[in-house]
Amino acid sequence: MRIDRLAGSVEGLRRKLRALTAIAEDPAATEAEKAAARALKARLQRRLGALGSPAGDWTDTVFRLGQWAKNVRKSTEPASPKGDWTDTAHRLGKALRRGYKSWLSD
């Protein structure tokens, strides 16, 4: 198994463990959901123990940097819905506002 796939699988296991812990501690969860979460958590902890600890070398740092860069690239503005006439009017209004502001500043 390649190092990057191993790091991804370890991080994936840790995310799943955090989610299962949240379910197990959720007061609104049913007893069956809590029992299933505890069983899955135990199974994932065994798998995580079998993989061992992270290497702690430069690959971990590069992985974190890549995750950070991927999150930075994501837009914070939600995608506009398609197919409605108001979308076109909104975009046209934004373009006119930018042009008008630019024209006033000159």
Protein backbone atom coordinates (compact mmCIF):
# COMPACT_ATOMS: atom_id res chain seq x y z
CA MET A 1 0.00 0.00 0.00
CA ARG A 2 1.35 3.40 -0.95
CA ILE A 3 2.11 5.93 1.78
CA ASP A 4 -0.46 8.49 0.59
CA ARG A 5 -3.21 5.87 0.53
CA LEU A 6 -2.18 4.73 4.00
CA ALA A 7 -2.27 8.29 5.34
CA GLY A 8 -5.68 8.82 3.74
CA SER A 9 -7.05 5.63 5.23
CA VAL A 10 -5.76 6.50 8.71
CA GLU A 11 -7.27 9.97 8.49
CA GLY A 12 -10.52 8.48 7.22
CA LEU A 13 -10.62 6.08 10.14
CA ARG A 14 -10.04 8.91 12.59
CA ARG A 15 -12.88 10.94 11.04
CA LYS A 16 -15.20 7.96 11.30
CA LEU A 17 -14.21 7.44 14.93
CA ARG A 18 -15.01 11.08 15.73
CA ALA A 19 -18.41 10.74 14.04
CA LEU A 20 -19.20 7.52 15.89
CA THR A 21 -18.20 9.07 19.19
CA ALA A 22 -20.55 11.97 18.50
CA ILE A 23 -23.40 9.53 17.81
CA ALA A 24 -22.66 7.51 20.94
CA GLU A 25 -22.69 10.66 23.08
CA ASP A 26 -25.80 12.17 21.44
CA PRO A 27 -28.67 12.15 23.96
CA ALA A 28 -31.24 12.08 21.14
CA ALA A 29 -29.85 8.86 19.64
CA THR A 30 -31.76 5.66 20.31
CA GLU A 31 -30.20 2.84 22.29
CA ALA A 32 -29.88 0.71 19.15
CA GLU A 33 -28.00 3.53 17.35
CA LYS A 34 -25.70 3.96 20.33
CA ALA A 35 -25.00 0.22 20.49
CA ALA A 36 -24.25 0.10 16.76
CA ALA A 37 -21.98 3.13 17.07
CA ARG A 38 -20.08 1.54 19.96
CA ALA A 39 -19.63 -1.71 17.99
CA LEU A 40 -18.41 0.13 14.90
CA LYS A 41 -16.11 2.29 17.01
CA ALA A 42 -14.50 -0.80 18.56
CA ARG A 43 -14.01 -2.35 15.10
CA LEU A 44 -12.47 0.85 13.71
CA GLN A 45 -10.17 1.20 16.71
CA ARG A 46 -8.88 -2.33 16.06
CA ARG A 47 -8.23 -1.43 12.40
CA LEU A 48 -6.52 1.81 13.39
CA GLY A 49 -4.31 -0.08 15.85
CA ALA A 50 -3.37 -2.56 13.13
CA LEU A 51 -2.28 0.27 10.81
CA GLY A 52 0.04 1.69 13.45
CA SER A 53 0.87 5.26 14.24
CA PRO A 54 1.48 7.85 11.52
CA ALA A 55 4.98 8.14 10.17
CA GLY A 56 5.47 11.62 11.63
CA ASP A 57 7.67 12.66 8.75
CA TRP A 58 7.27 15.27 6.04
CA THR A 59 4.44 13.34 4.34
CA ASP A 60 2.08 14.11 7.22
CA THR A 61 2.82 17.82 6.91
CA VAL A 62 2.36 17.77 3.16
CA PHE A 63 -0.93 15.91 3.55
CA ARG A 64 -2.23 18.54 5.99
CA LEU A 65 -1.08 21.33 3.67
CA GLY A 66 -2.91 19.70 0.77
CA GLN A 67 -6.10 19.39 2.80
CA TRP A 68 -5.85 23.03 3.82
CA ALA A 69 -5.28 24.14 0.20
CA LYS A 70 -8.23 22.08 -0.99
CA ASN A 71 -10.50 23.75 1.57
CA VAL A 72 -9.21 27.22 0.67
CA ARG A 73 -10.08 26.66 -3.00
CA LYS A 74 -13.69 25.90 -2.16
CA SER A 75 -15.97 28.85 -2.68
CA THR A 76 -17.84 30.20 0.33
CA GLU A 77 -20.59 31.56 -1.87
CA PRO A 78 -23.25 28.97 -2.62
CA ALA A 79 -23.75 28.05 -6.25
CA SER A 80 -26.59 29.93 -7.85
CA PRO A 81 -29.55 27.87 -9.03
CA LYS A 82 -29.97 27.52 -12.77
CA GLY A 83 -32.99 28.01 -14.96
CA ASP A 84 -34.76 30.93 -13.27
CA TRP A 85 -35.06 34.35 -14.92
CA THR A 86 -34.13 36.01 -11.62
CA ASP A 87 -30.63 34.50 -11.82
CA THR A 88 -29.96 36.35 -15.07
CA ALA A 89 -31.41 39.57 -13.67
CA HIS A 90 -29.28 39.22 -10.54
CA ARG A 91 -26.07 38.69 -12.52
CA LEU A 92 -26.93 41.59 -14.83
CA GLY A 93 -27.56 43.83 -11.81
CA LYS A 94 -24.24 42.88 -10.27
CA ALA A 95 -22.40 43.60 -13.53
CA LEU A 96 -24.12 46.98 -13.89
CA ARG A 97 -23.36 47.88 -10.28
CA ARG A 98 -19.66 47.04 -10.75
CA GLY A 99 -19.54 49.06 -13.96
CA TYR A 100 -21.32 52.02 -12.38
CA LYS A 101 -18.99 52.00 -9.37
CA SER A 102 -15.99 51.82 -11.67
CA TRP A 103 -17.35 54.66 -13.79
CA LEU A 104 -17.92 56.83 -10.69
CA SER A 105 -14.42 56.21 -9.34
CA ASP A 106 -12.76 57.39 -12.58
